[in-house]
Amino acid sequence: MAKGGNVRVTITLECTSCAQDSVDKKSPGISRYTTQKNRRNTPLRLELKKFCAHCYKHTIHGEIKK
């Protein structure tokens, strides 16, 4: 029987340019996405280019700690 470890984890991606401008991390002006990643294949923090509704352009969204 296969080992029953939970390999896929839910992560949150946050806009890096909006996060630098804001002092409060929980402000409503920060673009955030949720997705899943495989912990074994991608052990490092994930960075994807996504659309930021606050900046109105495509920016790099990085994985944040929950």
N, C-alpha and C. Protein backbone atom coordinates (compact mmCIF):
# COMPACT_ATOMS: atom_id res chain seq x y z
N MET A 1 0.84 -1.17 0.00
CA MET A 1 0.00 0.00 0.00
C MET A 1 0.89 1.25 0.00
N ALA A 2 0.44 2.29 -0.67
CA ALA A 2 1.20 3.53 -0.77
C ALA A 2 1.17 4.29 0.55
N LYS A 3 2.19 5.09 0.75
CA LYS A 3 2.24 5.92 1.96
C LYS A 3 1.19 7.02 1.84
N GLY A 4 0.54 7.34 2.92
CA GLY A 4 -0.58 8.28 2.90
C GLY A 4 -0.21 9.69 3.32
N GLY A 5 0.87 10.24 2.77
CA GLY A 5 1.23 11.61 3.10
C GLY A 5 0.50 12.61 2.23
N ASN A 6 0.20 13.76 2.77
CA ASN A 6 -0.48 14.80 2.01
C ASN A 6 0.58 15.63 1.29
N VAL A 7 0.79 15.35 0.00
CA VAL A 7 1.87 15.98 -0.75
C VAL A 7 1.45 17.35 -1.28
N ARG A 8 0.19 17.48 -1.69
CA ARG A 8 -0.28 18.75 -2.25
C ARG A 8 -0.75 19.67 -1.11
N VAL A 9 -0.28 20.91 -1.13
CA VAL A 9 -0.63 21.88 -0.11
C VAL A 9 -1.22 23.12 -0.79
N THR A 10 -2.14 23.78 -0.09
CA THR A 10 -2.74 25.02 -0.58
C THR A 10 -1.84 26.17 -0.17
N ILE A 11 -1.51 27.04 -1.15
CA ILE A 11 -0.65 28.19 -0.87
C ILE A 11 -1.35 29.46 -1.29
N THR A 12 -0.88 30.58 -0.79
CA THR A 12 -1.41 31.89 -1.14
C THR A 12 -0.33 32.68 -1.86
N LEU A 13 -0.69 33.26 -3.01
CA LEU A 13 0.23 34.09 -3.78
C LEU A 13 -0.18 35.55 -3.59
N GLU A 14 0.80 36.42 -3.34
CA GLU A 14 0.54 37.83 -3.09
C GLU A 14 1.37 38.68 -4.04
N CYS A 15 0.80 39.77 -4.52
CA CYS A 15 1.49 40.68 -5.43
C CYS A 15 2.70 41.29 -4.72
N THR A 16 3.86 41.20 -5.33
CA THR A 16 5.07 41.70 -4.69
C THR A 16 5.16 43.23 -4.76
N SER A 17 4.64 43.85 -5.81
CA SER A 17 4.73 45.30 -5.91
C SER A 17 3.72 45.98 -4.98
N CYS A 18 2.54 45.43 -4.80
CA CYS A 18 1.55 46.01 -3.88
C CYS A 18 1.98 45.81 -2.43
N ALA A 19 2.60 44.67 -2.13
CA ALA A 19 3.01 44.37 -0.75
C ALA A 19 4.12 45.31 -0.28
N GLN A 20 4.97 45.76 -1.19
CA GLN A 20 6.04 46.68 -0.82
C GLN A 20 5.50 48.07 -0.51
N ASP A 21 4.44 48.48 -1.21
CA ASP A 21 3.86 49.81 -1.02
C ASP A 21 3.04 49.91 0.26
N SER A 22 2.44 48.80 0.67
CA SER A 22 1.55 48.80 1.81
C SER A 22 2.30 48.52 3.11
N VAL A 23 1.93 49.26 4.16
CA VAL A 23 2.52 49.02 5.47
C VAL A 23 1.78 47.88 6.15
N ASP A 24 0.45 47.90 6.07
CA ASP A 24 -0.38 46.85 6.66
C ASP A 24 -0.56 45.73 5.66
N LYS A 25 -0.13 44.51 5.99
CA LYS A 25 -0.19 43.37 5.08
C LYS A 25 -1.63 42.91 4.82
N LYS A 26 -2.57 43.22 5.68
CA LYS A 26 -3.95 42.77 5.52
C LYS A 26 -4.83 43.83 4.85
N SER A 27 -4.26 44.84 4.23
CA SER A 27 -5.05 45.89 3.61
C SER A 27 -5.79 45.36 2.39
N PRO A 28 -6.95 45.92 2.05
CA PRO A 28 -7.74 45.41 0.93
C PRO A 28 -7.14 45.73 -0.44
N GLY A 29 -6.07 46.52 -0.50
CA GLY A 29 -5.47 46.90 -1.76
C GLY A 29 -4.40 45.96 -2.26
N ILE A 30 -4.29 44.75 -1.70
CA ILE A 30 -3.27 43.79 -2.12
C ILE A 30 -3.95 42.66 -2.87
N SER A 31 -3.42 42.33 -4.04
CA SER A 31 -3.96 41.25 -4.85
C SER A 31 -3.44 39.92 -4.34
N ARG A 32 -4.35 38.96 -4.10
CA ARG A 32 -3.97 37.64 -3.62
C ARG A 32 -4.69 36.56 -4.40
N TYR A 33 -3.99 35.48 -4.66
CA TYR A 33 -4.53 34.29 -5.31
C TYR A 33 -4.24 33.08 -4.44
N THR A 34 -5.08 32.05 -4.53
CA THR A 34 -4.80 30.79 -3.86
C THR A 34 -4.66 29.70 -4.93
N THR A 35 -3.75 28.78 -4.70
CA THR A 35 -3.50 27.68 -5.61
C THR A 35 -2.91 26.52 -4.82
N GLN A 36 -2.62 25.44 -5.50
CA GLN A 36 -2.00 24.29 -4.86
C GLN A 36 -0.67 23.99 -5.52
N LYS A 37 0.24 23.42 -4.74
CA LYS A 37 1.52 22.99 -5.30
C LYS A 37 1.91 21.65 -4.69
N ASN A 38 2.75 20.94 -5.41
CA ASN A 38 3.27 19.67 -4.94
C ASN A 38 4.52 19.95 -4.11
N ARG A 39 4.48 19.56 -2.86
CA ARG A 39 5.58 19.86 -1.94
C ARG A 39 6.88 19.17 -2.33
N ARG A 40 6.79 17.98 -2.91
CA ARG A 40 7.99 17.23 -3.29
C ARG A 40 8.65 17.80 -4.54
N ASN A 41 7.86 18.19 -5.54
CA ASN A 41 8.42 18.71 -6.79
C ASN A 41 8.87 20.16 -6.68
N THR A 42 8.23 20.95 -5.82
CA THR A 42 8.55 22.37 -5.68
C THR A 42 8.77 22.71 -4.22
N PRO A 43 9.94 22.39 -3.66
CA PRO A 43 10.16 22.67 -2.24
C PRO A 43 10.40 24.16 -1.95
N LEU A 44 10.87 24.91 -2.93
CA LEU A 44 11.12 26.34 -2.74
C LEU A 44 9.83 27.14 -2.91
N ARG A 45 9.90 28.42 -2.55
CA ARG A 45 8.73 29.29 -2.69
C ARG A 45 8.41 29.53 -4.16
N LEU A 46 7.13 29.49 -4.47
CA LEU A 46 6.65 29.62 -5.84
C LEU A 46 6.43 31.08 -6.20
N GLU A 47 6.80 31.47 -7.42
CA GLU A 47 6.54 32.81 -7.94
C GLU A 47 5.94 32.69 -9.33
N LEU A 48 4.78 33.29 -9.53
CA LEU A 48 4.09 33.25 -10.81
C LEU A 48 3.73 34.67 -11.23
N LYS A 49 3.65 34.89 -12.53
CA LYS A 49 3.24 36.17 -13.06
C LYS A 49 1.72 36.15 -13.25
N LYS A 50 1.00 36.93 -12.46
CA LYS A 50 -0.46 36.96 -12.47
C LYS A 50 -0.93 38.40 -12.63
N PHE A 51 -2.22 38.58 -12.94
CA PHE A 51 -2.79 39.91 -13.08
C PHE A 51 -3.15 40.47 -11.71
N CYS A 52 -2.70 41.68 -11.44
CA CYS A 52 -3.02 42.36 -10.19
C CYS A 52 -4.13 43.37 -10.46
N ALA A 53 -5.27 43.18 -9.83
CA ALA A 53 -6.41 44.08 -10.04
C ALA A 53 -6.17 45.45 -9.42
N HIS A 54 -5.28 45.52 -8.44
CA HIS A 54 -4.98 46.80 -7.80
C HIS A 54 -4.03 47.64 -8.64
N CYS A 55 -3.02 47.00 -9.26
CA CYS A 55 -2.05 47.70 -10.12
C CYS A 55 -2.52 47.81 -11.57
N TYR A 56 -3.50 47.03 -11.96
CA TYR A 56 -4.02 46.95 -13.33
C TYR A 56 -2.95 46.52 -14.33
N LYS A 57 -2.09 45.57 -13.93
CA LYS A 57 -1.08 45.03 -14.84
C LYS A 57 -0.62 43.67 -14.31
N HIS A 58 0.11 42.94 -15.15
CA HIS A 58 0.66 41.64 -14.75
C HIS A 58 1.93 41.87 -13.95
N THR A 59 1.96 41.33 -12.75
CA THR A 59 3.12 41.45 -11.86
C THR A 59 3.47 40.08 -11.30
N ILE A 60 4.60 40.00 -10.64
CA ILE A 60 5.03 38.75 -10.02
C ILE A 60 4.32 38.60 -8.67
N HIS A 61 3.68 37.46 -8.50
CA HIS A 61 3.02 37.12 -7.25
C HIS A 61 3.84 36.02 -6.59
N GLY A 62 4.25 36.24 -5.35
CA GLY A 62 5.08 35.28 -4.63
C GLY A 62 4.30 34.60 -3.53
N GLU A 63 4.77 33.42 -3.18
CA GLU A 63 4.14 32.64 -2.12
C GLU A 63 4.40 33.29 -0.76
N ILE A 64 3.36 33.39 0.05
CA ILE A 64 3.51 33.98 1.38
C ILE A 64 3.25 32.90 2.42
N LYS A 65 3.72 33.16 3.62
CA LYS A 65 3.53 32.24 4.72
C LYS A 65 2.18 32.52 5.37
N LYS A 66 1.45 31.47 5.70
CA LYS A 66 0.12 31.63 6.31
C LYS A 66 0.20 31.94 7.76
